[in-house]
C-alpha atoms as a PDB file:
ATOM      1  CA  MET A   1      -5.045 296.774 152.567  1.00  0.00           C
ATOM      2  CA  THR A   2      -3.071 299.105 151.119  1.00  0.00           C
ATOM      3  CA  THR A   3       0.110 300.204 152.749  1.00  0.00           C
ATOM      4  CA  LYS A   4       1.676 302.987 153.052  1.00  0.00           C
ATOM      5  CA  LYS A   5       4.514 301.352 150.762  1.00  0.00           C
ATOM      6  CA  ASN A   6       2.109 300.962 147.868  1.00  0.00           C
ATOM      7  CA  LYS A   7       0.789 304.444 148.595  1.00  0.00           C
ATOM      8  CA  ARG A   8       4.099 305.785 147.423  1.00  0.00           C
ATOM      9  CA  LEU A   9       4.852 303.775 144.912  1.00  0.00           C
ATOM     10  CA  LEU A  10       1.950 304.116 142.398  1.00  0.00           C
ATOM     11  CA  PRO A  11       2.041 307.791 141.782  1.00  0.00           C
ATOM     12  CA  SER A  12       6.121 306.554 140.560  1.00  0.00           C
ATOM     13  CA  LEU A  13       4.667 303.852 138.448  1.00  0.00           C
ATOM     14  CA  LEU A  14       2.399 306.297 136.937  1.00  0.00           C
ATOM     15  CA  ILE A  15       4.905 309.306 136.111  1.00  0.00           C
ATOM     16  CA  VAL A  16       7.096 306.075 134.322  1.00  0.00           C
ATOM     17  CA  LEU A  17       3.763 304.731 132.401  1.00  0.00           C
ATOM     18  CA  ILE A  18       2.762 308.418 131.446  1.00  0.00           C
ATOM     19  CA  ALA A  19       6.600 308.882 130.000  1.00  0.00           C
ATOM     20  CA  VAL A  20       6.578 305.966 128.037  1.00  0.00           C
ATOM     21  CA  LEU A  21       3.271 306.501 126.290  1.00  0.00           C
ATOM     22  CA  GLY A  22       4.832 309.854 125.774  1.00  0.00           C
ATOM     23  CA  PHE A  23       7.907 308.568 124.307  1.00  0.00           C
ATOM     24  CA  LEU A  24       5.729 306.612 122.160  1.00  0.00           C
ATOM     25  CA  TRP A  25       3.780 309.502 121.274  1.00  0.00           C
ATOM     26  CA  LEU A  26       6.874 311.219 120.192  1.00  0.00           C
ATOM     27  CA  GLU A  27       7.795 308.550 118.128  1.00  0.00           C
ATOM     28  CA  GLN A  28       4.758 308.733 115.379  1.00  0.00           C
ATOM     29  CA  HIS A  29       4.488 312.512 116.239  1.00  0.00           C
ATOM     30  CA  SER A  30       7.082 315.683 115.645  1.00  0.00           C
ATOM     31  CA  SER A  31       7.431 319.185 116.181  1.00  0.00           C
ATOM     32  CA  GLY A  32       6.594 320.434 112.932  1.00  0.00           C
ATOM     33  CA  THR A  33       4.992 318.743 110.115  1.00  0.00           C
ATOM     34  CA  TYR A  34       6.430 316.234 107.137  1.00  0.00           C
ATOM     35  CA  THR A  35       5.818 316.548 103.573  1.00  0.00           C
ATOM     36  CA  VAL A  36       5.440 314.423 100.825  1.00  0.00           C
ATOM     37  CA  GLU A  37       6.529 315.828  97.654  1.00  0.00           C
ATOM     38  CA  THR A  38       5.251 313.467  94.487  1.00  0.00           C
ATOM     39  CA  PHE A  39       7.310 314.439  90.936  1.00  0.00           C
ATOM     40  CA  ARG A  40       5.284 313.356  88.201  1.00  0.00           C
ATOM     41  CA  ASP A  41       6.077 315.060  84.137  1.00  0.00           C
ATOM     42  CA  ARG A  42       8.402 317.831  85.631  1.00  0.00           C
ATOM     43  CA  GLN A  43       5.693 318.822  88.246  1.00  0.00           C
ATOM     44  CA  THR A  44       6.075 318.366  92.016  1.00  0.00           C
ATOM     45  CA  GLU A  45       3.070 317.850  94.334  1.00  0.00           C
ATOM     46  CA  THR A  46       3.116 318.279  97.944  1.00  0.00           C
ATOM     47  CA  ARG A  47       1.032 317.184 100.575  1.00  0.00           C
ATOM     48  CA  GLN A  48       1.878 317.337 104.606  1.00  0.00           C
ATOM     49  CA  PHE A  49       1.198 315.030 107.486  1.00  0.00           C
ATOM     50  CA  GLU A  50       1.393 315.695 111.201  1.00  0.00           C
ATOM     51  CA  SER A  51       2.798 312.080 112.038  1.00  0.00           C
ATOM     52  CA  LEU A  52       6.038 310.351 110.517  1.00  0.00           C
ATOM     53  CA  ALA A  53       4.231 307.790 110.144  1.00  0.00           C
ATOM     54  CA  GLU A  54       1.156 308.728 107.843  1.00  0.00           C
ATOM     55  CA  ALA A  55       3.542 310.486 105.771  1.00  0.00           C
ATOM     56  CA  ARG A  56       5.569 307.382 105.350  1.00  0.00           C
ATOM     57  CA  ALA A  57       2.348 304.938 104.767  1.00  0.00           C
ATOM     58  CA  TYR A  58       1.504 307.700 101.738  1.00  0.00           C
ATOM     59  CA  MET A  59       5.032 307.787 100.603  1.00  0.00           C
ATOM     60  CA  GLU A  60       4.829 304.676 100.129  1.00  0.00           C
ATOM     61  CA  ARG A  61       1.511 304.212  98.268  1.00  0.00           C
ATOM     62  CA  GLY A  62       3.242 305.687  95.188  1.00  0.00           C
ATOM     63  CA  GLU A  63       6.064 305.987  93.068  1.00  0.00           C
ATOM     64  CA  HIS A  64       8.652 309.140  92.722  1.00  0.00           C
ATOM     65  CA  ARG A  65       7.639 310.165  96.367  1.00  0.00           C
ATOM     66  CA  ALA A  66      10.499 311.517  98.770  1.00  0.00           C
ATOM     67  CA  LEU A  67       9.901 311.926 102.506  1.00  0.00           C
ATOM     68  CA  ILE A  68      10.715 314.561 104.081  1.00  0.00           C
ATOM     69  CA  GLY A  69      11.382 315.954 107.444  1.00  0.00           C
ATOM     70  CA  PRO A  70      10.838 319.323 109.347  1.00  0.00           C
ATOM     71  CA  ASP A  71      14.074 320.246 109.125  1.00  0.00           C
ATOM     72  CA  GLY A  72      14.281 320.111 105.271  1.00  0.00           C
ATOM     73  CA  GLU A  73      15.850 316.494 105.041  1.00  0.00           C
ATOM     74  CA  VAL A  74      15.074 313.541 103.246  1.00  0.00           C
ATOM     75  CA  ILE A  75      14.277 310.697 105.058  1.00  0.00           C
ATOM     76  CA  ASP A  76      13.158 308.433 102.439  1.00  0.00           C
ATOM     77  CA  PHE A  77      11.849 308.171  98.829  1.00  0.00           C
ATOM     78  CA  THR A  78      10.175 305.675  96.588  1.00  0.00           C
ATOM     79  CA  GLY A  79      11.645 305.438  92.554  1.00  0.00           C
ATOM     80  CA  ALA A  80      15.092 306.140  91.413  1.00  0.00           C
ATOM     81  CA  GLY A  81      17.892 307.935  93.599  1.00  0.00           C
ATOM     82  CA  ILE A  82      21.148 308.306  94.716  1.00  0.00           C
ATOM     83  CA  ALA A  83      23.174 307.274  97.940  1.00  0.00           C
ATOM     84  CA  VAL A  84      25.682 309.999  98.649  1.00  0.00           C
ATOM     85  CA  THR A  85      28.749 308.230 101.361  1.00  0.00           C
ATOM     86  CA  PRO A  86      29.555 309.715 104.945  1.00  0.00           C
ATOM     87  CA  THR A  87      32.057 312.288 104.698  1.00  0.00           C
ATOM     88  CA  ASP A  88      34.318 311.812 106.962  1.00  0.00           C
ATOM     89  CA  SER A  89      35.291 308.090 106.098  1.00  0.00           C
ATOM     90  CA  ILE A  90      35.739 305.570 103.709  1.00  0.00           C
ATOM     91  CA  THR A  91      33.112 303.525 102.898  1.00  0.00           C
ATOM     92  CA  TYR A  92      33.554 299.488 102.079  1.00  0.00           C
ATOM     93  CA  LEU A  93      32.046 298.042  99.027  1.00  0.00           C
ATOM     94  CA  PHE A  94      30.842 294.516  99.627  1.00  0.00           C
ATOM     95  CA  LYS A  95      30.052 291.586  96.771  1.00  0.00           C
ATOM     96  CA  ASP A  96      27.296 290.212  99.355  1.00  0.00           C
ATOM     97  CA  GLU A  97      24.308 291.567 100.915  1.00  0.00           C
ATOM     98  CA  ALA A  98      25.158 290.505 104.085  1.00  0.00           C
ATOM     99  CA  LEU A  99      28.336 292.742 104.054  1.00  0.00           C
ATOM    100  CA  SER A 100      30.779 290.098 104.757  1.00  0.00           C
ATOM    101  CA  GLU A 101      32.886 289.658 101.713  1.00  0.00           C
ATOM    102  CA  ARG A 102      34.801 292.989 100.746  1.00  0.00           C
ATOM    103  CA  GLN A 103      34.777 293.842  97.087  1.00  0.00           C
ATOM    104  CA  SER A 104      36.445 297.648  97.108  1.00  0.00           C
ATOM    105  CA  TYR A 105      36.477 300.885  99.351  1.00  0.00           C
ATOM    106  CA  VAL A 106      35.656 304.419  98.466  1.00  0.00           C
ATOM    107  CA  ALA A 107      36.603 308.302  99.540  1.00  0.00           C
ATOM    108  CA  GLY A 108      33.895 309.894 101.997  1.00  0.00           C
ATOM    109  CA  GLY A 109      31.679 311.627  99.581  1.00  0.00           C
ATOM    110  CA  THR A 110      31.086 309.424  96.753  1.00  0.00           C
ATOM    111  CA  ARG A 111      28.271 309.558  94.759  1.00  0.00           C
ATOM    112  CA  LEU A 112      26.604 305.641  94.350  1.00  0.00           C
ATOM    113  CA  ARG A 113      23.764 304.956  91.860  1.00  0.00           C
ATOM    114  CA  LEU A 114      20.981 303.676  94.110  1.00  0.00           C
ATOM    115  CA  LEU A 115      19.487 300.000  92.716  1.00  0.00           C
ATOM    116  CA  GLU A 116      17.692 298.515  95.690  1.00  0.00           C
ATOM    117  CA  ARG A 117      17.387 299.025  99.387  1.00  0.00           C
ATOM    118  CA  GLY A 118      17.202 296.531 102.049  1.00  0.00           C
ATOM    119  CA  HIS A 119      16.713 296.155 105.942  1.00  0.00           C
ATOM    120  CA  ASP A 120      20.498 297.555 106.726  1.00  0.00           C
ATOM    121  CA  HIS A 121      21.540 297.669 103.168  1.00  0.00           C
ATOM    122  CA  LEU A 122      21.858 299.146  99.676  1.00  0.00           C
ATOM    123  CA  ARG A 123      22.452 297.283  96.373  1.00  0.00           C
ATOM    124  CA  VAL A 124      24.713 300.306  94.332  1.00  0.00           C
ATOM    125  CA  ASN A 125      26.485 300.835  91.245  1.00  0.00           C
ATOM    126  CA  ILE A 126      29.984 302.801  91.349  1.00  0.00           C
ATOM    127  CA  SER A 127      32.671 302.988  88.406  1.00  0.00           C
ATOM    128  CA  GLY A 128      31.435 299.741  86.797  1.00  0.00           C
ATOM    129  CA  ALA A 129      30.633 297.555  89.988  1.00  0.00           C
ATOM    130  CA  ASP A 130      27.460 296.776  91.492  1.00  0.00           C
ATOM    131  CA  VAL A 131      28.200 296.236  94.963  1.00  0.00           C
ATOM    132  CA  PHE A 132      26.161 296.274  98.317  1.00  0.00           C
ATOM    133  CA  VAL A 133      26.780 298.989 101.180  1.00  0.00           C
ATOM    134  CA  PRO A 134      25.841 299.349 104.749  1.00  0.00           C
ATOM    135  CA  LEU A 135      22.427 301.583 105.057  1.00  0.00           C
ATOM    136  CA  ALA A 136      23.605 303.541 108.279  1.00  0.00           C
ATOM    137  CA  ASN A 137      25.046 307.163 107.944  1.00  0.00           C
ATOM    138  CA  MET A 138      24.017 307.060 104.072  1.00  0.00           C
ATOM    139  CA  THR A 139      22.276 310.097 102.396  1.00  0.00           C
ATOM    140  CA  LEU A 140      19.859 309.487  99.853  1.00  0.00           C
ATOM    141  CA  TYR A 141      18.737 311.600  97.205  1.00  0.00           C
ATOM    142  CA  PRO A 142      15.770 311.115  94.950  1.00  0.00           C
ATOM    143  CA  ASP A 143      16.882 311.816  91.418  1.00  0.00           C
ATOM    144  CA  ALA A 144      14.156 314.544  91.235  1.00  0.00           C
ATOM    145  CA  LEU A 145      16.230 316.296  94.098  1.00  0.00           C
ATOM    146  CA  VAL A 146      19.567 316.236  92.382  1.00  0.00           C
ATOM    147  CA  LYS A 147      20.640 319.221  91.921  1.00  0.00           C
ATOM    148  CA  LYS A 148      24.111 318.710  90.524  1.00  0.00           C
ATOM    149  CA  ARG A 149      25.377 315.545  88.464  1.00  0.00           C
ATOM    150  CA  GLY A 150      28.611 314.593  86.849  1.00  0.00           C
ATOM    151  CA  PHE A 151      28.893 313.630  83.343  1.00  0.00           C
ATOM    152  CA  TYR A 152      30.563 312.508  80.286  1.00  0.00           C
ATOM    153  CA  GLU A 153      31.272 314.664  77.431  1.00  0.00           C
ATOM    154  CA  VAL A 154      32.934 314.582  74.246  1.00  0.00           C
ATOM    155  CA  ARG A 155      35.248 317.632  72.936  1.00  0.00           C
ATOM    156  CA  ASP A 156      37.437 318.119  69.592  1.00  0.00           C
ATOM    157  CA  GLY A 157      37.279 313.912  69.711  1.00  0.00           C
ATOM    158  CA  ASP A 158      38.272 313.224  73.203  1.00  0.00           C
ATOM    159  CA  VAL A 159      36.010 312.186  76.312  1.00  0.00           C
ATOM    160  CA  TYR A 160      35.834 314.335  79.575  1.00  0.00           C
ATOM    161  CA  HIS A 161      34.184 313.534  82.783  1.00  0.00           C
ATOM    162  CA  THR A 162      33.277 316.060  85.382  1.00  0.00           C
ATOM    163  CA  VAL A 163      32.956 314.439  89.063  1.00  0.00           C
ATOM    164  CA  GLU A 164      30.777 314.986  91.908  1.00  0.00           C
ATOM    165  CA  ALA A 165      31.563 314.557  95.572  1.00  0.00           C
ATOM    166  CA  ASN A 166      29.823 316.041  98.413  1.00  0.00           C
ATOM    167  CA  ASP A 167      26.944 316.819  96.473  1.00  0.00           C
ATOM    168  CA  ASN A 168      29.242 319.166  94.308  1.00  0.00           C
ATOM    169  CA  LEU A 169      30.731 319.155  90.916  1.00  0.00           C
ATOM    170  CA  ALA A 170      34.696 318.414  92.372  1.00  0.00           C
ATOM    171  CA  GLY A 171      36.465 318.624  88.740  1.00  0.00           C
ATOM    172  CA  THR A 172      36.810 317.726  84.955  1.00  0.00           C
ATOM    173  CA  PHE A 173      39.604 315.661  83.582  1.00  0.00           C
ATOM    174  CA  LEU A 174      40.606 313.699  80.605  1.00  0.00           C
ATOM    175  CA  VAL A 175      39.537 310.488  79.959  1.00  0.00           C
ATOM    176  CA  GLY A 176      40.788 309.206  76.504  1.00  0.00           C
ATOM    177  CA  PRO A 177      39.848 309.310  72.788  1.00  0.00           C
ATOM    178  CA  ALA A 178      35.975 309.066  71.765  1.00  0.00           C
ATOM    179  CA  ASP A 179      34.717 306.721  69.386  1.00  0.00           C
ATOM    180  CA  GLU A 180      32.898 309.215  67.762  1.00  0.00           C
ATOM    181  CA  GLU A 181      31.590 312.627  67.946  1.00  0.00           C
ATOM    182  CA  THR A 182      28.647 313.477  70.279  1.00  0.00           C
ATOM    183  CA  SER A 183      27.231 316.723  71.688  1.00  0.00           C
ATOM    184  CA  ASP A 184      25.075 314.910  73.896  1.00  0.00           C
ATOM    185  CA  ARG A 185      26.236 314.532  78.068  1.00  0.00           C
ATOM    186  CA  PHE A 186      25.517 311.450  79.800  1.00  0.00           C
ATOM    187  CA  TYR A 187      25.499 311.261  83.545  1.00  0.00           C
ATOM    188  CA  THR A 188      27.753 309.564  85.852  1.00  0.00           C
ATOM    189  CA  GLU A 189      25.449 307.573  87.606  1.00  0.00           C
ATOM    190  CA  ASN A 190      23.756 306.028  84.406  1.00  0.00           C
ATOM    191  CA  VAL A 191      26.697 305.558  82.576  1.00  0.00           C
ATOM    192  CA  ARG A 192      28.377 301.721  82.669  1.00  0.00           C
ATOM    193  CA  ASP A 193      31.747 302.004  81.052  1.00  0.00           C
ATOM    194  CA  VAL A 194      30.375 303.276  77.958  1.00  0.00           C
ATOM    195  CA  PHE A 195      33.568 305.366  77.736  1.00  0.00           C
ATOM    196  CA  ALA A 196      35.767 303.016  78.877  1.00  0.00           C
ATOM    197  CA  SER A 197      39.348 304.086  77.468  1.00  0.00           C
ATOM    198  CA  PRO A 198      41.521 301.802  75.835  1.00  0.00           C
ATOM    199  CA  TYR A 199      44.207 302.593  78.096  1.00  0.00           C
ATOM    200  CA  GLN A 200      41.931 301.910  80.606  1.00  0.00           C
ATOM    201  CA  PHE A 201      42.300 298.062  79.900  1.00  0.00           C
ATOM    202  CA  ALA A 202      45.966 297.771  78.582  1.00  0.00           C
ATOM    203  CA  SER A 203      48.130 295.765  80.338  1.00  0.00           C
ATOM    204  CA  ILE A 204      50.310 297.333  82.536  1.00  0.00           C
ATOM    205  CA  ALA A 205      52.806 294.048  82.202  1.00  0.00           C
ATOM    206  CA  SER A 206      54.171 295.203  78.529  1.00  0.00           C
ATOM    207  CA  THR A 207      57.266 297.647  77.408  1.00  0.00           C
ATOM    208  CA  SER A 208      56.284 301.605  76.449  1.00  0.00           C
ATOM    209  CA  PRO A 209      57.438 302.041  72.822  1.00  0.00           C
ATOM    210  CA  TYR A 210      59.293 305.104  74.233  1.00  0.00           C
ATOM    211  CA  SER A 211      62.691 305.840  75.307  1.00  0.00           C
ATOM    212  CA  ALA A 212      64.156 307.269  78.153  1.00  0.00           C
ATOM    213  CA  SER A 213      65.083 310.366  76.294  1.00  0.00           C
ATOM    214  CA  GLU A 214      61.744 310.275  75.116  1.00  0.00           C
ATOM    215  CA  LEU A 215      59.807 310.208  78.171  1.00  0.00           C
ATOM    216  CA  ASP A 216      62.163 313.360  79.113  1.00  0.00           C
ATOM    217  CA  ARG A 217      60.905 314.954  76.179  1.00  0.00           C
ATOM    218  CA  PHE A 218      57.538 315.023  77.496  1.00  0.00           C
ATOM    219  CA  LEU A 219      58.498 315.601  81.097  1.00  0.00           C
ATOM    220  CA  GLU A 220      60.141 319.056  79.432  1.00  0.00           C
ATOM    221  CA  THR A 221      56.922 320.026  78.474  1.00  0.00           C
ATOM    222  CA  ARG A 222      56.370 320.258  82.718  1.00  0.00           C
ATOM    223  CA  SER A 223      58.696 323.451  82.897  1.00  0.00           C
ATOM    224  CA  ASP A 224      57.890 323.124  87.176  1.00  0.00           C
ATOM    225  CA  SER A 225      58.462 319.666  87.477  1.00  0.00           C
ATOM    226  CA  PRO A 226      61.424 318.186  89.044  1.00  0.00           C
ATOM    227  CA  LEU A 227      61.328 314.726  87.399  1.00  0.00           C
ATOM    228  CA  ILE A 228      62.536 316.816  84.421  1.00  0.00           C
ATOM    229  CA  GLY A 229      65.742 314.463  82.824  1.00  0.00           C
ATOM    230  CA  LYS A 230      64.520 311.298  85.211  1.00  0.00           C
ATOM    231  CA  GLY A 231      63.504 309.483  82.085  1.00  0.00           C
ATOM    232  CA  ALA A 232      65.803 306.511  82.955  1.00  0.00           C
ATOM    233  CA  ALA A 233      64.194 305.760  86.386  1.00  0.00           C
ATOM    234  CA  PHE A 234      60.855 304.998  84.353  1.00  0.00           C
ATOM    235  CA  LYS A 235      62.952 302.641  81.715  1.00  0.00           C
ATOM    236  CA  ASP A 236      65.016 300.882  84.065  1.00  0.00           C
ATOM    237  CA  ALA A 237      62.293 299.813  86.375  1.00  0.00           C
ATOM    238  CA  GLU A 238      60.417 298.617  83.383  1.00  0.00           C
ATOM    239  CA  SER A 239      63.175 296.500  82.623  1.00  0.00           C
ATOM    240  CA  LYS A 240      63.727 295.565  85.949  1.00  0.00           C
ATOM    241  CA  HIS A 241      60.172 294.570  86.853  1.00  0.00           C
ATOM    242  CA  GLY A 242      58.561 294.695  83.740  1.00  0.00           C
ATOM    243  CA  ILE A 243      56.153 297.451  84.250  1.00  0.00           C
ATOM    244  CA  ASN A 244      55.378 299.731  81.770  1.00  0.00           C
ATOM    245  CA  ALA A 245      57.001 303.196  81.773  1.00  0.00           C
ATOM    246  CA  LEU A 246      54.287 304.945  80.413  1.00  0.00           C
ATOM    247  CA  PHE A 247      51.918 303.866  83.198  1.00  0.00           C
ATOM    248  CA  LEU A 248      54.326 304.416  85.902  1.00  0.00           C
ATOM    249  CA  LEU A 249      54.612 308.068  84.401  1.00  0.00           C
ATOM    250  CA  ALA A 250      51.293 308.447  84.275  1.00  0.00           C
ATOM    251  CA  VAL A 251      50.591 307.299  87.706  1.00  0.00           C
ATOM    252  CA  ALA A 252      53.692 309.938  89.147  1.00  0.00           C
ATOM    253  CA  GLY A 253      51.656 312.329  87.073  1.00  0.00           C
ATOM    254  CA  HIS A 254      48.446 312.117  88.418  1.00  0.00           C
ATOM    255  CA  GLU A 255      49.327 311.483  92.003  1.00  0.00           C
ATOM    256  CA  SER A 256      52.208 314.114  92.954  1.00  0.00           C
ATOM    257  CA  SER A 257      51.516 316.734  89.626  1.00  0.00           C
ATOM    258  CA  TYR A 258      54.876 314.923  88.233  1.00  0.00           C
ATOM    259  CA  GLY A 259      56.910 315.777  91.086  1.00  0.00           C
ATOM    260  CA  THR A 260      55.502 318.957  91.895  1.00  0.00           C
ATOM    261  CA  SER A 261      53.386 318.011  95.292  1.00  0.00           C
ATOM    262  CA  ALA A 262      54.327 318.934  98.775  1.00  0.00           C
ATOM    263  CA  ILE A 263      54.973 315.101  99.227  1.00  0.00           C
ATOM    264  CA  ALA A 264      57.127 314.972  96.318  1.00  0.00           C
ATOM    265  CA  ARG A 265      59.146 317.830  97.130  1.00  0.00           C
ATOM    266  CA  ASP A 266      59.232 316.742 100.896  1.00  0.00           C
ATOM    267  CA  LYS A 267      59.904 313.070 100.518  1.00  0.00           C
ATOM    268  CA  PHE A 268      60.377 311.722  96.968  1.00  0.00           C
ATOM    269  CA  ASN A 269      57.132 310.173  97.096  1.00  0.00           C
ATOM    270  CA  LEU A 270      55.765 310.367  93.820  1.00  0.00           C
ATOM    271  CA  PHE A 271      52.757 307.668  94.183  1.00  0.00           C
ATOM    272  CA  GLY A 272      51.245 308.150  97.705  1.00  0.00           C
ATOM    273  CA  PHE A 273      52.506 305.703  99.140  1.00  0.00           C
ATOM    274  CA  LYS A 274      50.924 305.313 102.686  1.00  0.00           C
ATOM    275  CA  ALA A 275      49.291 308.637 102.368  1.00  0.00           C
ATOM    276  CA  THR A 276      46.363 307.858 103.967  1.00  0.00           C
ATOM    277  CA  ASP A 277      42.677 310.014 102.893  1.00  0.00           C
ATOM    278  CA  ASP A 278      42.968 311.283 107.015  1.00  0.00           C
ATOM    279  CA  ASP A 279      46.310 312.886 107.014  1.00  0.00           C
ATOM    280  CA  PRO A 280      48.007 312.319 103.240  1.00  0.00           C
ATOM    281  CA  SER A 281      51.266 314.215 104.301  1.00  0.00           C
ATOM    282  CA  GLY A 282      51.664 312.989 107.533  1.00  0.00           C
ATOM    283  CA  ASN A 283      51.772 309.219 106.907  1.00  0.00           C
ATOM    284  CA  ALA A 284      53.268 309.748 103.330  1.00  0.00           C
ATOM    285  CA  ALA A 285      56.419 307.031 103.114  1.00  0.00           C
ATOM    286  CA  THR A 286      59.605 308.521 102.718  1.00  0.00           C
ATOM    287  CA  PHE A 287      62.005 307.920  99.751  1.00  0.00           C
ATOM    288  CA  ALA A 288      66.190 308.447  99.245  1.00  0.00           C
ATOM    289  CA  SER A 289      65.268 309.760  95.597  1.00  0.00           C
ATOM    290  CA  PHE A 290      62.683 309.708  93.104  1.00  0.00           C
ATOM    291  CA  GLU A 291      64.528 306.970  91.519  1.00  0.00           C
ATOM    292  CA  ALA A 292      63.799 304.810  94.798  1.00  0.00           C
ATOM    293  CA  SER A 293      60.080 306.032  94.636  1.00  0.00           C
ATOM    294  CA  VAL A 294      59.957 304.826  90.664  1.00  0.00           C
ATOM    295  CA  ASP A 295      61.898 301.072  91.721  1.00  0.00           C
ATOM    296  CA  ALA A 296      59.522 300.892  94.856  1.00  0.00           C
ATOM    297  CA  ALA A 297      56.143 301.618  92.562  1.00  0.00           C
ATOM    298  CA  ALA A 298      57.431 299.532  90.139  1.00  0.00           C
ATOM    299  CA  ARG A 299      57.924 296.682  92.447  1.00  0.00           C
ATOM    300  CA  LEU A 300      54.456 296.845  94.176  1.00  0.00           C
ATOM    301  CA  PHE A 301      52.500 296.914  90.721  1.00  0.00           C
ATOM    302  CA  ALA A 302      54.769 293.685  89.820  1.00  0.00           C
ATOM    303  CA  GLU A 303      54.553 291.814  92.861  1.00  0.00           C
ATOM    304  CA  LYS A 304      50.731 292.770  94.095  1.00  0.00           C
ATOM    305  CA  TYR A 305      48.765 294.161  91.275  1.00  0.00           C
ATOM    306  CA  VAL A 306      49.989 292.097  88.097  1.00  0.00           C
ATOM    307  CA  THR A 307      50.329 289.099  90.389  1.00  0.00           C
ATOM    308  CA  GLY A 308      49.957 288.548  94.332  1.00  0.00           C
ATOM    309  CA  SER A 309      47.168 289.289  96.640  1.00  0.00           C
ATOM    310  CA  TYR A 310      45.300 292.379  94.948  1.00  0.00           C
ATOM    311  CA  ALA A 311      45.659 291.103  91.535  1.00  0.00           C
ATOM    312  CA  ARG A 312      42.335 291.731  89.827  1.00  0.00           C
ATOM    313  CA  GLY A 313      43.353 292.353  86.280  1.00  0.00           C
ATOM    314  CA  PRO A 314      46.785 293.946  85.343  1.00  0.00           C
ATOM    315  CA  PHE A 315      45.549 296.907  83.974  1.00  0.00           C
ATOM    316  CA  PRO A 316      44.173 300.839  86.087  1.00  0.00           C
ATOM    317  CA  GLY A 317      40.641 299.488  85.372  1.00  0.00           C
ATOM    318  CA  ASN A 318      37.607 300.742  87.631  1.00  0.00           C
ATOM    319  CA  LYS A 319      35.538 299.252  90.731  1.00  0.00           C
ATOM    320  CA  GLN A 320      35.052 295.708  89.174  1.00  0.00           C
ATOM    321  CA  GLU A 321      38.364 295.096  87.433  1.00  0.00           C
ATOM    322  CA  GLY A 322      41.886 296.128  87.860  1.00  0.00           C
ATOM    323  CA  ILE A 323      44.292 297.572  89.818  1.00  0.00           C
ATOM    324  CA  ASN A 324      41.606 300.418  90.676  1.00  0.00           C
ATOM    325  CA  ILE A 325      39.872 297.993  93.190  1.00  0.00           C
ATOM    326  CA  PHE A 326      42.665 298.496  95.711  1.00  0.00           C
ATOM    327  CA  TYR A 327      45.008 300.902  94.761  1.00  0.00           C
ATOM    328  CA  ALA A 328      43.020 304.360  95.814  1.00  0.00           C
ATOM    329  CA  SER A 329      39.709 305.334  96.670  1.00  0.00           C
ATOM    330  CA  ASP A 330      39.067 307.367  94.296  1.00  0.00           C
ATOM    331  CA  PRO A 331      36.213 304.814  91.929  1.00  0.00           C
ATOM    332  CA  TYR A 332      37.727 306.735  89.011  1.00  0.00           C
ATOM    333  CA  TRP A 333      41.679 306.813  89.536  1.00  0.00           C
ATOM    334  CA  GLY A 334      41.403 304.096  86.622  1.00  0.00           C
ATOM    335  CA  GLU A 335      40.237 306.735  84.618  1.00  0.00           C
ATOM    336  CA  LYS A 336      42.593 309.377  85.366  1.00  0.00           C
ATOM    337  CA  VAL A 337      45.820 307.569  85.288  1.00  0.00           C
ATOM    338  CA  ALA A 338      44.279 306.252  81.347  1.00  0.00           C
ATOM    339  CA  GLY A 339      43.828 309.845  80.544  1.00  0.00           C
ATOM    340  CA  THR A 340      47.251 310.871  82.146  1.00  0.00           C
ATOM    341  CA  MET A 341      48.337 307.811  79.904  1.00  0.00           C
ATOM    342  CA  TYR A 342      46.490 309.240  77.119  1.00  0.00           C
ATOM    343  CA  LEU A 343      47.864 312.684  77.582  1.00  0.00           C
ATOM    344  CA  ILE A 344      51.780 311.920  77.556  1.00  0.00           C
ATOM    345  CA  ASP A 345      51.324 309.187  74.148  1.00  0.00           C
ATOM    346  CA  ARG A 346      49.520 311.966  72.171  1.00  0.00           C
ATOM    347  CA  THR A 347      52.451 314.377  73.194  1.00  0.00           C
ATOM    348  CA  LEU A 348      54.853 311.697  72.024  1.00  0.00           C
ATOM    349  CA  GLY A 349      53.196 310.495  68.875  1.00  0.00           C
ATOM    350  CA  SER A 350      50.531 308.250  69.886  1.00  0.00           C
ATOM    351  CA  ALA A 351      52.694 305.096  69.252  1.00  0.00           C
ATOM    352  CA  TYR A 352      51.225 303.590  72.300  1.00  0.00           C
ATOM    353  CA  TYR A 353      47.670 303.666  71.078  1.00  0.00           C
ATOM    354  CA  GLU A 354      48.616 301.962  68.096  1.00  0.00           C
ATOM    355  CA  GLN A 355      49.979 299.501  70.004  1.00  0.00           C
ATOM    356  CA  ILE A 356      47.123 298.850  72.031  1.00  0.00           C
ATOM    357  CA  LYS A 357      43.989 299.853  69.938  1.00  0.00           C
END
């Protein structure tokens, strides 16, 4: 015998069942079509599917295929590609696929060479390091869909690097002297330290061949720099802490444009101390003078990076070894500092290059 209560319950259960079945159907079908593009011999073949499951199955049966959603977003792909880190936060790089041991970190919008995909992680290469990152929130692109790519090139005997960020080219900087002339371009994501500058891997626990007056002579070429006449601050820090004065000046030059940045002028902060990516000016440390800022930087490099908890090699380096591992979220900070050292050294006669080459 069916009670009134059961009669009322059955329609409710039926509604719930229909809702569940509808949700499961929507998981496999979308209001729109899924596209799979196959890239072969510089041509693109396109097939469309009504369900995500069918499109994914087809994609996985071939190489160099991209699965594209109804709104044009790349959902997945096979073959070579890149991963771009979330733009609104730093991304940690890990030594292991369990994501338990940190190697370093990179800024938002950094492009990583994709080497291998796991269930919840990616194995990638960036600035000399083969590392692992979380899969969540990464944006993936197959090589065939990458419109703009960073590259190295040689111009008049010097290596330059044009870098990319957030899927756009984001500036060009000097890396160092070239071993030989070439007209080729070398894409950033395919290069593993091919253009490593000698300045990038020379020990900073050394003595610069330049005097305070010679450093001032270089600073005089930067007519708007408030550091003109401050060469002695860098030589004093070198003498006191054992950190190369040319390196210290190069870092100050890179981080604060030789003292002309807002943080430098407002807070005497030449090295970006405590200037976080989310609020550089607001969080940056304040110093009593430029001399105090230089002294603090030399002490930090001596006690934390040459020896100490951050010591991974006493040189600018990259994301595999050196100061760049922990000092900066920019994966090419080591290259940029090396290029600035080269520029200063070349202006003063290349005595340091003769010392390290």
